[in-house]
Amino acid sequence: MKKKILLLGIFMVLLLTGCGGGMREVKSVSDFETVSKNNGFTVVNNKDSYGEVSYIKEAVKATTSDIVIEMIVYDNADDAEKVLEEHIKSFNLLKSTGAAEKKQTGDNYHKYFLISNNYYMVSSRIDNTLIFCKTLVTNKESVDKVLDELGY
């Protein structure tokens, strides 16, 4: 009986403190540029490649010789979430047996990554911002370093 009460108490504390979900801080394009440059990337404005897409406010990409990481700022979180879901669908087209995937979600964020067929694919959203990359798995550490420093 005491064990059940203890477990119920722990569950209630976790429920009240919001463990597992939580909020993440949105980073700006400027933050993305700084972190990317500090990690050896060249950063350029990429908004023109999206043409007249009205719901995209800003777009930049960070590149090295074999990695491209993009950050897009949308009008709202719903638009960013829709694009993230499209990324997940396109990533899953490359999903093979033995692939590794992981999802993380919280109050204002959603992150998904897939390692399959020698590719590392990641899309991470916080509120109305989205950072994503598809690269060879050998580049995973470099991509993750940028994402981790930004909190994505």
C-alpha atoms as a PDB file:
ATOM      1  CA  MET A   1       0.000   0.000   0.000  1.00  0.00           C
ATOM      2  CA  LYS A   2       2.790   2.415   0.915  1.00  0.00           C
ATOM      3  CA  LYS A   3       4.478   1.663  -2.395  1.00  0.00           C
ATOM      4  CA  LYS A   4       1.334   2.610  -4.341  1.00  0.00           C
ATOM      5  CA  ILE A   5       0.959   5.860  -2.409  1.00  0.00           C
ATOM      6  CA  LEU A   6       4.633   6.693  -3.004  1.00  0.00           C
ATOM      7  CA  LEU A   7       4.308   6.005  -6.740  1.00  0.00           C
ATOM      8  CA  LEU A   8       1.128   8.082  -6.900  1.00  0.00           C
ATOM      9  CA  GLY A   9       2.920  10.918  -5.084  1.00  0.00           C
ATOM     10  CA  ILE A  10       5.854  10.825  -7.512  1.00  0.00           C
ATOM     11  CA  PHE A  11       3.459  10.820 -10.458  1.00  0.00           C
ATOM     12  CA  MET A  12       1.583  13.827  -9.074  1.00  0.00           C
ATOM     13  CA  VAL A  13       4.828  15.777  -8.523  1.00  0.00           C
ATOM     14  CA  LEU A  14       5.934  15.048 -12.081  1.00  0.00           C
ATOM     15  CA  LEU A  15       2.525  16.042 -13.404  1.00  0.00           C
ATOM     16  CA  LEU A  16       2.477  19.297 -11.463  1.00  0.00           C
ATOM     17  CA  THR A  17       6.041  20.280 -12.385  1.00  0.00           C
ATOM     18  CA  GLY A  18       5.508  19.516 -16.053  1.00  0.00           C
ATOM     19  CA  CYS A  19       8.459  17.154 -16.400  1.00  0.00           C
ATOM     20  CA  GLY A  20       8.852  15.674 -19.835  1.00  0.00           C
ATOM     21  CA  GLY A  21       7.361  18.538 -21.811  1.00  0.00           C
ATOM     22  CA  GLY A  22       8.597  21.956 -20.947  1.00  0.00           C
ATOM     23  CA  MET A  23       9.429  24.990 -22.988  1.00  0.00           C
ATOM     24  CA  ARG A  24      12.515  25.779 -25.019  1.00  0.00           C
ATOM     25  CA  GLU A  25      13.857  29.205 -25.841  1.00  0.00           C
ATOM     26  CA  VAL A  26      13.459  30.387 -29.411  1.00  0.00           C
ATOM     27  CA  LYS A  27      16.726  31.466 -30.999  1.00  0.00           C
ATOM     28  CA  SER A  28      17.033  34.219 -33.591  1.00  0.00           C
ATOM     29  CA  VAL A  29      18.592  34.061 -37.027  1.00  0.00           C
ATOM     30  CA  SER A  30      21.429  36.097 -35.546  1.00  0.00           C
ATOM     31  CA  ASP A  31      21.994  33.402 -32.889  1.00  0.00           C
ATOM     32  CA  PHE A  32      22.022  30.749 -35.622  1.00  0.00           C
ATOM     33  CA  GLU A  33      24.534  32.761 -37.659  1.00  0.00           C
ATOM     34  CA  THR A  34      26.861  33.259 -34.685  1.00  0.00           C
ATOM     35  CA  VAL A  35      26.838  29.615 -33.581  1.00  0.00           C
ATOM     36  CA  SER A  36      27.227  28.367 -37.157  1.00  0.00           C
ATOM     37  CA  LYS A  37      30.156  30.684 -37.908  1.00  0.00           C
ATOM     38  CA  ASN A  38      31.824  29.726 -34.631  1.00  0.00           C
ATOM     39  CA  ASN A  39      31.649  26.102 -35.800  1.00  0.00           C
ATOM     40  CA  GLY A  40      33.270  26.747 -39.183  1.00  0.00           C
ATOM     41  CA  PHE A  41      30.174  27.244 -41.336  1.00  0.00           C
ATOM     42  CA  THR A  42      29.589  29.968 -43.898  1.00  0.00           C
ATOM     43  CA  VAL A  43      26.172  31.580 -43.449  1.00  0.00           C
ATOM     44  CA  VAL A  44      24.097  33.196 -46.206  1.00  0.00           C
ATOM     45  CA  ASN A  45      20.602  34.610 -46.513  1.00  0.00           C
ATOM     46  CA  ASN A  46      18.426  31.985 -48.197  1.00  0.00           C
ATOM     47  CA  LYS A  47      15.040  33.726 -48.327  1.00  0.00           C
ATOM     48  CA  ASP A  48      15.189  34.236 -52.103  1.00  0.00           C
ATOM     49  CA  SER A  49      15.248  30.469 -52.700  1.00  0.00           C
ATOM     50  CA  TYR A  50      11.723  30.283 -51.239  1.00  0.00           C
ATOM     51  CA  GLY A  51      10.360  32.846 -53.688  1.00  0.00           C
ATOM     52  CA  GLU A  52       7.185  34.591 -52.669  1.00  0.00           C
ATOM     53  CA  VAL A  53       6.153  32.177 -49.908  1.00  0.00           C
ATOM     54  CA  SER A  54       4.166  34.549 -47.755  1.00  0.00           C
ATOM     55  CA  TYR A  55       4.422  32.656 -44.468  1.00  0.00           C
ATOM     56  CA  ILE A  56       8.247  32.623 -44.393  1.00  0.00           C
ATOM     57  CA  LYS A  57       9.670  35.670 -42.605  1.00  0.00           C
ATOM     58  CA  GLU A  58      13.394  34.783 -42.693  1.00  0.00           C
ATOM     59  CA  ALA A  59      15.555  31.985 -44.085  1.00  0.00           C
ATOM     60  CA  VAL A  60      19.291  31.399 -43.777  1.00  0.00           C
ATOM     61  CA  LYS A  61      21.593  28.486 -44.436  1.00  0.00           C
ATOM     62  CA  ALA A  62      24.905  27.493 -42.936  1.00  0.00           C
ATOM     63  CA  THR A  63      27.233  25.499 -45.166  1.00  0.00           C
ATOM     64  CA  THR A  64      30.550  23.714 -45.215  1.00  0.00           C
ATOM     65  CA  SER A  65      31.900  21.723 -48.141  1.00  0.00           C
ATOM     66  CA  ASP A  66      29.516  18.833 -47.414  1.00  0.00           C
ATOM     67  CA  ILE A  67      26.881  20.070 -44.910  1.00  0.00           C
ATOM     68  CA  VAL A  68      23.908  22.403 -45.302  1.00  0.00           C
ATOM     69  CA  ILE A  69      21.871  23.382 -42.238  1.00  0.00           C
ATOM     70  CA  GLU A  70      18.889  25.673 -42.760  1.00  0.00           C
ATOM     71  CA  MET A  71      16.955  27.845 -40.340  1.00  0.00           C
ATOM     72  CA  ILE A  72      13.584  29.273 -41.281  1.00  0.00           C
ATOM     73  CA  VAL A  73      11.398  31.658 -39.305  1.00  0.00           C
ATOM     74  CA  TYR A  74       7.689  31.282 -40.096  1.00  0.00           C
ATOM     75  CA  ASP A  75       4.767  33.595 -39.386  1.00  0.00           C
ATOM     76  CA  ASN A  76       3.480  31.181 -36.754  1.00  0.00           C
ATOM     77  CA  ALA A  77       4.175  27.860 -35.025  1.00  0.00           C
ATOM     78  CA  ASP A  78       1.457  26.025 -36.976  1.00  0.00           C
ATOM     79  CA  ASP A  79       3.234  26.715 -40.280  1.00  0.00           C
ATOM     80  CA  ALA A  80       6.544  25.546 -38.833  1.00  0.00           C
ATOM     81  CA  GLU A  81       4.905  22.372 -37.466  1.00  0.00           C
ATOM     82  CA  LYS A  82       3.336  21.581 -40.866  1.00  0.00           C
ATOM     83  CA  VAL A  83       6.726  21.863 -42.562  1.00  0.00           C
ATOM     84  CA  LEU A  84       8.339  19.698 -39.873  1.00  0.00           C
ATOM     85  CA  GLU A  85       5.695  17.029 -40.511  1.00  0.00           C
ATOM     86  CA  GLU A  86       6.497  17.191 -44.238  1.00  0.00           C
ATOM     87  CA  HIS A  87      10.178  16.715 -43.414  1.00  0.00           C
ATOM     88  CA  ILE A  88       9.324  13.635 -41.359  1.00  0.00           C
ATOM     89  CA  LYS A  89       7.326  12.194 -44.274  1.00  0.00           C
ATOM     90  CA  SER A  90      10.149  12.819 -46.746  1.00  0.00           C
ATOM     91  CA  PHE A  91      12.777  11.446 -44.340  1.00  0.00           C
ATOM     92  CA  ASN A  92      10.713   8.283 -43.887  1.00  0.00           C
ATOM     93  CA  LEU A  93      10.884   7.621 -47.627  1.00  0.00           C
ATOM     94  CA  LEU A  94      14.555   6.774 -46.979  1.00  0.00           C
ATOM     95  CA  LYS A  95      13.819   4.691 -43.894  1.00  0.00           C
ATOM     96  CA  SER A  96      15.207   1.174 -44.053  1.00  0.00           C
ATOM     97  CA  THR A  97      15.320  -1.841 -41.771  1.00  0.00           C
ATOM     98  CA  GLY A  98      17.523  -1.115 -38.789  1.00  0.00           C
ATOM     99  CA  ALA A  99      17.089   2.656 -39.042  1.00  0.00           C
ATOM    100  CA  ALA A 100      17.440   4.697 -35.864  1.00  0.00           C
ATOM    101  CA  GLU A 101      14.871   7.388 -35.179  1.00  0.00           C
ATOM    102  CA  LYS A 102      13.883   9.552 -32.257  1.00  0.00           C
ATOM    103  CA  LYS A 103      11.218  12.138 -31.484  1.00  0.00           C
ATOM    104  CA  GLN A 104      11.252  14.727 -28.709  1.00  0.00           C
ATOM    105  CA  THR A 105       8.260  16.914 -27.986  1.00  0.00           C
ATOM    106  CA  GLY A 106       7.372  19.539 -25.448  1.00  0.00           C
ATOM    107  CA  ASP A 107       5.075  22.481 -24.968  1.00  0.00           C
ATOM    108  CA  ASN A 108       6.627  24.597 -27.739  1.00  0.00           C
ATOM    109  CA  TYR A 109       9.020  22.261 -29.531  1.00  0.00           C
ATOM    110  CA  HIS A 110       9.237  19.125 -31.642  1.00  0.00           C
ATOM    111  CA  LYS A 111      12.443  17.443 -32.796  1.00  0.00           C
ATOM    112  CA  TYR A 112      12.769  14.432 -35.063  1.00  0.00           C
ATOM    113  CA  PHE A 113      15.830  12.675 -36.371  1.00  0.00           C
ATOM    114  CA  LEU A 114      16.411   9.607 -38.499  1.00  0.00           C
ATOM    115  CA  ILE A 115      19.603   7.741 -39.332  1.00  0.00           C
ATOM    116  CA  SER A 116      19.107   5.500 -42.323  1.00  0.00           C
ATOM    117  CA  ASN A 117      20.899   4.480 -45.524  1.00  0.00           C
ATOM    118  CA  ASN A 118      24.056   6.319 -44.412  1.00  0.00           C
ATOM    119  CA  TYR A 119      22.149   9.604 -43.970  1.00  0.00           C
ATOM    120  CA  TYR A 120      21.444  11.695 -40.896  1.00  0.00           C
ATOM    121  CA  MET A 121      18.220  13.687 -41.190  1.00  0.00           C
ATOM    122  CA  VAL A 122      17.028  16.085 -38.515  1.00  0.00           C
ATOM    123  CA  SER A 123      14.274  18.662 -38.246  1.00  0.00           C
ATOM    124  CA  SER A 124      13.809  20.648 -35.043  1.00  0.00           C
ATOM    125  CA  ARG A 125      11.125  23.241 -34.337  1.00  0.00           C
ATOM    126  CA  ILE A 126      10.775  25.682 -31.464  1.00  0.00           C
ATOM    127  CA  ASP A 127       7.647  27.822 -31.780  1.00  0.00           C
ATOM    128  CA  ASN A 128       7.745  29.425 -35.247  1.00  0.00           C
ATOM    129  CA  THR A 129      11.383  28.543 -36.036  1.00  0.00           C
ATOM    130  CA  LEU A 130      12.642  25.422 -37.777  1.00  0.00           C
ATOM    131  CA  ILE A 131      16.182  24.139 -38.238  1.00  0.00           C
ATOM    132  CA  PHE A 132      16.779  21.148 -40.486  1.00  0.00           C
ATOM    133  CA  CYS A 133      19.492  19.187 -42.243  1.00  0.00           C
ATOM    134  CA  LYS A 134      19.955  16.079 -44.365  1.00  0.00           C
ATOM    135  CA  THR A 135      23.591  14.972 -44.618  1.00  0.00           C
ATOM    136  CA  LEU A 136      25.827  11.924 -44.543  1.00  0.00           C
ATOM    137  CA  VAL A 137      25.893  10.223 -41.158  1.00  0.00           C
ATOM    138  CA  THR A 138      29.628  11.029 -40.900  1.00  0.00           C
ATOM    139  CA  ASN A 139      28.585  14.687 -40.441  1.00  0.00           C
ATOM    140  CA  LYS A 140      26.170  13.987 -37.569  1.00  0.00           C
ATOM    141  CA  GLU A 141      28.526  15.224 -34.859  1.00  0.00           C
ATOM    142  CA  SER A 142      29.088  18.597 -36.590  1.00  0.00           C
ATOM    143  CA  VAL A 143      25.346  19.118 -37.117  1.00  0.00           C
ATOM    144  CA  ASP A 144      24.460  18.075 -33.576  1.00  0.00           C
ATOM    145  CA  LYS A 145      27.072  20.462 -32.153  1.00  0.00           C
ATOM    146  CA  VAL A 146      25.309  23.430 -33.805  1.00  0.00           C
ATOM    147  CA  LEU A 147      21.842  22.211 -32.757  1.00  0.00           C
ATOM    148  CA  ASP A 148      22.954  21.509 -29.186  1.00  0.00           C
ATOM    149  CA  GLU A 149      24.581  24.918 -28.781  1.00  0.00           C
ATOM    150  CA  LEU A 150      21.354  26.530 -29.952  1.00  0.00           C
ATOM    151  CA  GLY A 151      19.152  24.327 -27.778  1.00  0.00           C
ATOM    152  CA  TYR A 152      17.386  22.765 -30.741  1.00  0.00           C
END
